N, C-alpha and C. Protein backbone atom coordinates (compact mmCIF):
# COMPACT_ATOMS: atom_id res chain seq x y z
N MET A 1 -0.09 8.26 -7.10
CA MET A 1 -0.43 7.41 -7.70
C MET A 1 0.78 6.87 -8.40
N MET A 2 0.68 5.66 -8.64
CA MET A 2 1.66 5.02 -9.62
C MET A 2 1.78 5.67 -10.95
N SER A 3 3.21 5.43 -11.71
CA SER A 3 3.30 5.97 -13.06
C SER A 3 2.25 5.29 -14.03
N PRO A 4 1.31 5.86 -14.82
CA PRO A 4 0.64 5.28 -15.92
C PRO A 4 1.47 4.33 -16.75
N ARG A 5 2.72 4.45 -16.79
CA ARG A 5 3.70 3.68 -17.67
C ARG A 5 4.11 2.55 -17.07
N ILE A 6 3.92 2.26 -15.88
CA ILE A 6 4.42 1.05 -15.28
C ILE A 6 3.08 0.20 -15.04
N LYS A 7 3.27 -1.10 -15.27
CA LYS A 7 1.80 -2.09 -14.89
C LYS A 7 1.89 -2.20 -13.46
N THR A 8 0.96 -2.64 -12.59
CA THR A 8 0.76 -2.59 -11.35
C THR A 8 1.25 -3.95 -10.74
N HIS A 9 1.24 -4.96 -11.52
CA HIS A 9 1.92 -6.15 -11.21
C HIS A 9 3.39 -5.82 -10.97
N ILE A 10 4.08 -5.00 -11.88
CA ILE A 10 5.73 -4.93 -11.90
C ILE A 10 5.70 -4.30 -10.73
N TRP A 11 5.11 -3.14 -10.68
CA TRP A 11 5.46 -2.15 -9.19
C TRP A 11 5.15 -2.88 -8.03
N VAL A 12 4.14 -3.91 -7.95
CA VAL A 12 4.00 -4.60 -6.46
C VAL A 12 4.98 -5.58 -6.46
N SER A 13 5.74 -6.15 -7.44
CA SER A 13 6.56 -7.23 -7.58
C SER A 13 8.12 -6.55 -7.05
N ALA A 14 8.21 -5.21 -7.57
CA ALA A 14 9.43 -4.31 -7.01
C ALA A 14 9.37 -4.15 -5.52
N LEU A 15 8.22 -3.72 -5.08
CA LEU A 15 7.87 -3.44 -3.80
C LEU A 15 8.23 -4.70 -2.71
N ILE A 16 7.50 -5.81 -3.15
CA ILE A 16 8.08 -7.17 -2.75
C ILE A 16 9.59 -7.30 -2.30
N ARG A 17 9.93 -7.18 -3.32
CA ARG A 17 11.66 -7.47 -3.27
C ARG A 17 12.29 -6.43 -2.31
N ARG A 18 11.77 -5.02 -2.48
CA ARG A 18 12.43 -4.23 -1.33
C ARG A 18 11.95 -4.44 -0.08
N VAL A 19 10.99 -4.83 0.27
CA VAL A 19 10.47 -5.22 1.54
C VAL A 19 11.24 -6.48 1.95
N GLN A 20 11.49 -7.71 1.11
CA GLN A 20 12.14 -8.81 1.71
C GLN A 20 13.52 -8.68 1.72
N ALA A 21 14.45 -7.48 0.95
CA ALA A 21 15.83 -7.33 1.10
C ALA A 21 15.77 -6.37 2.51
N GLY A 22 14.86 -5.86 2.98
CA GLY A 22 14.95 -4.85 4.13
C GLY A 22 14.54 -5.68 5.43
N GLY A 23 14.30 -7.01 5.13
CA GLY A 23 14.11 -8.04 6.34
C GLY A 23 12.64 -8.09 6.84
N ALA A 24 11.46 -7.35 6.19
CA ALA A 24 10.24 -7.42 6.82
C ALA A 24 9.55 -8.67 5.74
N PHE A 25 8.41 -8.97 6.35
CA PHE A 25 7.46 -9.98 5.79
C PHE A 25 6.56 -9.01 4.87
N VAL A 26 6.14 -9.50 3.97
CA VAL A 26 5.19 -9.14 2.99
C VAL A 26 4.43 -9.84 2.25
N TYR A 27 3.24 -9.78 1.67
CA TYR A 27 2.28 -10.55 1.12
C TYR A 27 1.27 -9.69 0.34
N VAL A 28 0.57 -10.37 -0.67
CA VAL A 28 -0.69 -9.92 -1.29
C VAL A 28 -1.65 -10.39 -0.76
N ALA A 29 -2.47 -9.48 0.04
CA ALA A 29 -3.66 -9.97 0.58
C ALA A 29 -4.78 -9.75 -0.61
N GLN A 30 -4.90 -9.27 -1.50
CA GLN A 30 -5.77 -9.23 -2.56
C GLN A 30 -5.05 -8.74 -3.96
N LYS A 31 -5.12 -9.39 -4.88
CA LYS A 31 -4.47 -9.10 -6.08
C LYS A 31 -5.65 -8.70 -7.14
N GLY A 32 -5.33 -7.50 -7.68
CA GLY A 32 -6.20 -6.82 -8.60
C GLY A 32 -6.06 -6.74 -10.05
N ASP A 33 -6.30 -5.90 -10.60
CA ASP A 33 -5.74 -5.98 -11.96
C ASP A 33 -4.61 -5.57 -12.44
N ILE A 34 -4.00 -6.45 -13.12
CA ILE A 34 -2.38 -6.58 -13.18
C ILE A 34 -2.05 -5.59 -13.90
N ASP A 35 -2.80 -4.70 -14.86
CA ASP A 35 -2.16 -3.57 -15.69
C ASP A 35 -2.35 -2.50 -14.76
N SER A 36 -3.52 -2.04 -14.30
CA SER A 36 -3.85 -0.84 -13.94
C SER A 36 -4.55 -0.65 -12.51
N GLY A 37 -4.84 -1.64 -11.58
CA GLY A 37 -5.27 -1.61 -10.36
C GLY A 37 -4.52 -0.64 -9.29
N ILE A 38 -5.18 -0.18 -8.65
CA ILE A 38 -4.59 0.59 -7.61
C ILE A 38 -4.35 -0.21 -6.25
N ALA A 39 -3.18 0.32 -5.90
CA ALA A 39 -2.63 -0.61 -4.73
C ALA A 39 -2.43 0.09 -3.41
N LEU A 40 -3.29 -0.56 -2.65
CA LEU A 40 -3.39 0.03 -1.02
C LEU A 40 -2.23 -0.70 -0.25
N LEU A 41 -1.58 0.09 0.53
CA LEU A 41 -0.42 -0.80 1.43
C LEU A 41 -0.84 -0.43 2.98
N LYS A 42 -1.06 -1.77 3.57
CA LYS A 42 -1.06 -1.91 4.66
C LYS A 42 0.23 -2.03 5.73
N VAL A 43 0.80 -1.27 6.40
CA VAL A 43 1.86 -1.93 7.30
C VAL A 43 1.32 -1.81 8.88
N CYS A 44 1.93 -3.14 9.17
CA CYS A 44 1.44 -3.67 10.43
C CYS A 44 2.57 -3.53 11.14
N THR A 45 2.65 -3.17 12.70
CA THR A 45 3.97 -2.87 13.04
C THR A 45 3.80 -4.30 14.38
N MET A 46 2.93 -5.11 14.28
CA MET A 46 2.88 -6.43 14.99
C MET A 46 2.67 -6.22 16.58
N ASP A 47 1.89 -5.05 16.68
CA ASP A 47 1.30 -5.01 18.14
C ASP A 47 -0.18 -4.57 17.98
N GLY A 48 -0.68 -5.01 16.74
CA GLY A 48 -2.31 -4.63 16.71
C GLY A 48 -2.44 -3.44 16.13
N GLN A 49 -1.57 -2.85 15.71
CA GLN A 49 -1.58 -1.33 15.19
C GLN A 49 -1.15 -1.42 13.62
N ALA A 50 -1.73 -0.77 12.75
CA ALA A 50 -1.37 -0.39 11.34
C ALA A 50 -1.78 0.69 10.80
N ALA A 51 -0.91 0.77 9.42
CA ALA A 51 -1.21 2.50 8.92
C ALA A 51 -1.72 1.73 7.48
N LEU A 52 -2.61 2.65 6.96
CA LEU A 52 -3.07 2.29 5.59
C LEU A 52 -2.46 3.62 4.65
N TYR A 53 -1.91 3.17 3.37
CA TYR A 53 -1.15 4.13 2.57
C TYR A 53 -2.07 3.87 1.31
N ALA A 54 -2.37 4.78 0.70
CA ALA A 54 -2.96 4.91 -0.63
C ALA A 54 -2.22 5.93 -1.58
N PRO A 55 -2.46 5.81 -3.08
CA PRO A 55 -1.89 6.33 -3.94
C PRO A 55 -2.49 7.70 -4.03
N GLU A 56 -1.72 8.64 -4.23
CA GLU A 56 -2.35 10.33 -4.11
C GLU A 56 -1.44 10.85 -5.35
N ARG A 57 -2.15 12.12 -5.94
CA ARG A 57 -1.32 13.02 -6.81
C ARG A 57 -1.82 14.43 -6.33
N SER A 58 -0.41 14.87 -5.69
CA SER A 58 -0.63 16.35 -5.17
C SER A 58 -1.11 17.33 -6.41
N PHE A 59 -1.47 18.37 -5.62
CA PHE A 59 -1.76 19.82 -6.73
C PHE A 59 -1.07 20.05 -7.55
N ASP A 60 0.35 19.84 -7.31
CA ASP A 60 1.37 20.19 -8.02
C ASP A 60 2.09 19.13 -9.20
N GLY A 61 0.90 18.09 -9.06
CA GLY A 61 1.36 17.02 -9.88
C GLY A 61 2.20 15.78 -9.52
N GLU A 62 2.62 16.00 -8.45
CA GLU A 62 3.58 14.88 -7.89
C GLU A 62 2.76 13.77 -7.66
N SER A 63 3.22 12.47 -7.85
CA SER A 63 2.88 11.17 -7.43
C SER A 63 3.39 10.79 -6.00
N GLY A 64 2.71 10.25 -5.29
CA GLY A 64 2.94 9.75 -4.02
C GLY A 64 1.94 8.75 -3.18
N TYR A 65 2.31 8.55 -2.03
CA TYR A 65 1.25 7.94 -1.20
C TYR A 65 1.17 8.79 0.06
N ARG A 66 -0.12 8.62 0.59
CA ARG A 66 -0.50 9.39 1.73
C ARG A 66 -1.20 8.41 2.78
N ILE A 67 -1.02 8.62 4.04
CA ILE A 67 -1.56 7.75 5.09
C ILE A 67 -2.91 8.13 5.03
N ILE A 68 -3.82 7.40 4.84
CA ILE A 68 -5.21 7.73 4.76
C ILE A 68 -6.23 6.98 6.30
N ALA A 69 -5.20 6.05 6.78
CA ALA A 69 -5.82 5.66 8.22
C ALA A 69 -4.80 5.22 9.00
N GLU A 70 -4.74 4.90 10.24
CA GLU A 70 -4.06 4.65 11.27
C GLU A 70 -4.92 4.27 12.58
N GLY A 71 -4.28 3.08 13.03
CA GLY A 71 -5.04 2.41 14.23
C GLY A 71 -5.19 0.92 14.29
N PRO A 72 -6.24 0.47 15.19
CA PRO A 72 -6.00 -1.01 15.23
C PRO A 72 -5.93 -1.76 14.00
N GLU A 73 -5.66 -2.78 13.65
CA GLU A 73 -5.47 -3.36 12.47
C GLU A 73 -6.72 -3.73 11.98
N ARG A 74 -7.62 -4.19 12.82
CA ARG A 74 -9.04 -4.63 12.25
C ARG A 74 -9.91 -3.71 11.56
N HIS A 75 -9.30 -2.27 12.17
CA HIS A 75 -10.28 -1.15 11.70
C HIS A 75 -9.57 -1.12 10.00
N ILE A 76 -8.44 -1.23 9.71
CA ILE A 76 -7.57 -0.90 8.86
C ILE A 76 -8.06 -2.23 7.59
N ASP A 77 -8.09 -3.26 8.12
CA ASP A 77 -8.57 -4.65 7.39
C ASP A 77 -10.09 -4.26 6.96
N GLU A 78 -10.90 -3.69 7.67
CA GLU A 78 -12.62 -3.08 7.56
C GLU A 78 -12.60 -2.16 6.21
N LYS A 79 -11.40 -1.17 6.36
CA LYS A 79 -11.62 0.10 5.31
C LYS A 79 -11.02 -0.78 3.74
N ILE A 80 -10.08 -1.58 4.01
CA ILE A 80 -9.56 -2.07 2.75
C ILE A 80 -10.88 -2.94 2.22
N ARG A 81 -11.45 -3.86 2.97
CA ARG A 81 -12.66 -4.34 2.61
C ARG A 81 -13.85 -3.53 2.02
N GLY A 82 -13.84 -2.44 2.38
CA GLY A 82 -14.92 -1.26 1.98
C GLY A 82 -14.59 -1.01 0.62
N ARG A 83 -13.11 -0.69 0.57
CA ARG A 83 -12.79 0.04 -0.56
C ARG A 83 -12.73 -1.45 -1.97
N ALA A 84 -12.40 -2.38 -1.63
CA ALA A 84 -12.52 -3.41 -2.54
C ALA A 84 -13.87 -3.85 -3.07
N ARG A 85 -15.11 -3.82 -1.99
CA ARG A 85 -16.40 -3.69 -2.60
C ARG A 85 -16.47 -3.09 -3.97
N PHE A 86 -16.08 -1.70 -3.79
CA PHE A 86 -16.34 -0.67 -4.94
C PHE A 86 -15.29 -0.86 -6.04
N ASP A 87 -14.21 -1.31 -5.91
CA ASP A 87 -13.29 -1.51 -6.71
C ASP A 87 -12.38 -2.86 -6.74
N PRO A 88 -13.02 -3.79 -7.80
CA PRO A 88 -12.63 -5.04 -8.05
C PRO A 88 -11.10 -5.33 -8.32
N ASP A 89 -10.69 -4.17 -8.96
CA ASP A 89 -9.32 -4.06 -9.51
C ASP A 89 -8.33 -3.59 -8.35
N LEU A 90 -8.66 -3.55 -7.14
CA LEU A 90 -7.91 -2.80 -6.06
C LEU A 90 -6.80 -4.11 -5.75
N TRP A 91 -5.72 -3.79 -5.41
CA TRP A 91 -4.46 -4.43 -4.69
C TRP A 91 -4.56 -4.24 -3.41
N ALA A 92 -4.35 -5.06 -2.59
CA ALA A 92 -4.03 -5.07 -0.89
C ALA A 92 -2.58 -5.53 -0.88
N ILE A 93 -1.69 -4.76 -0.24
CA ILE A 93 -0.50 -5.44 0.21
C ILE A 93 -0.01 -5.10 1.45
N GLU A 94 0.21 -6.51 2.09
CA GLU A 94 0.45 -6.16 3.86
C GLU A 94 1.83 -6.49 3.88
N ILE A 95 2.50 -5.45 4.74
CA ILE A 95 3.80 -5.46 5.27
C ILE A 95 4.02 -5.64 6.89
N GLU A 96 4.49 -6.61 7.10
CA GLU A 96 4.61 -6.84 8.83
C GLU A 96 6.11 -6.43 8.97
N ASP A 97 6.19 -5.38 9.80
CA ASP A 97 7.46 -4.55 10.00
C ASP A 97 7.48 -3.99 11.57
N ARG A 98 8.17 -4.47 12.43
CA ARG A 98 8.14 -3.84 13.66
C ARG A 98 8.34 -2.29 14.03
N LYS A 99 8.99 -1.93 12.84
CA LYS A 99 9.47 -0.43 12.69
C LYS A 99 8.72 0.38 12.01
N GLY A 100 7.86 -0.23 11.40
CA GLY A 100 6.54 0.42 10.75
C GLY A 100 6.84 0.79 9.42
N ARG A 101 8.19 0.33 8.74
CA ARG A 101 8.52 1.04 7.29
C ARG A 101 7.63 0.58 6.33
N HIS A 102 7.62 1.48 5.43
CA HIS A 102 6.71 1.09 4.45
C HIS A 102 7.25 0.81 3.18
N PHE A 103 8.71 0.97 2.79
CA PHE A 103 9.56 0.66 1.79
C PHE A 103 9.09 1.42 0.63
N LEU A 104 8.43 2.17 0.79
CA LEU A 104 7.96 3.11 -0.73
C LEU A 104 9.29 3.96 -1.06
N THR A 105 9.47 4.02 -2.48
CA THR A 105 10.68 4.73 -2.80
C THR A 105 10.11 6.05 -3.00
N GLU A 106 8.67 6.02 -3.29
CA GLU A 106 8.06 7.49 -3.84
C GLU A 106 7.57 8.12 -2.77
N LYS A 107 7.54 9.32 -3.19
CA LYS A 107 7.06 10.59 -1.78
C LYS A 107 5.99 10.20 -0.89
N VAL A 108 5.88 10.25 0.04
CA VAL A 108 4.91 10.34 1.19
C VAL A 108 4.70 11.36 1.51
N PHE A 109 3.19 11.78 1.37
CA PHE A 109 2.82 13.12 1.52
C PHE A 109 2.15 13.22 3.22
N GLN A 110 2.59 14.21 3.69
CA GLN A 110 2.06 14.36 5.00
C GLN A 110 1.03 15.57 5.14
N ASP A 111 0.24 15.37 6.05
CA ASP A 111 -0.71 16.37 6.20
C ASP A 111 -0.12 17.68 6.91
């Protein structure tokens, strides 16, 4: 999960700058609470496939992101819509990058 010291809109702005500097396309598909909304990250590889990353805190207290779903882009979109129904503060950020880069500087946990 993002640090409680940084507001979500600042974190999202920084991510957008990193993505753009890396030569990929990014946009905010859903804007949530500017201070404390959770940000989901959808990474599209432009071949109909995508991965969905969500913030997570590990057992040892480290913050990072974990892939919570992979597959056809339409299924990832359904997952985002489902979570948004229960969390109006949710942010949904989409990155389109043929290489599938997420541009997160935070740790990405692997199963």
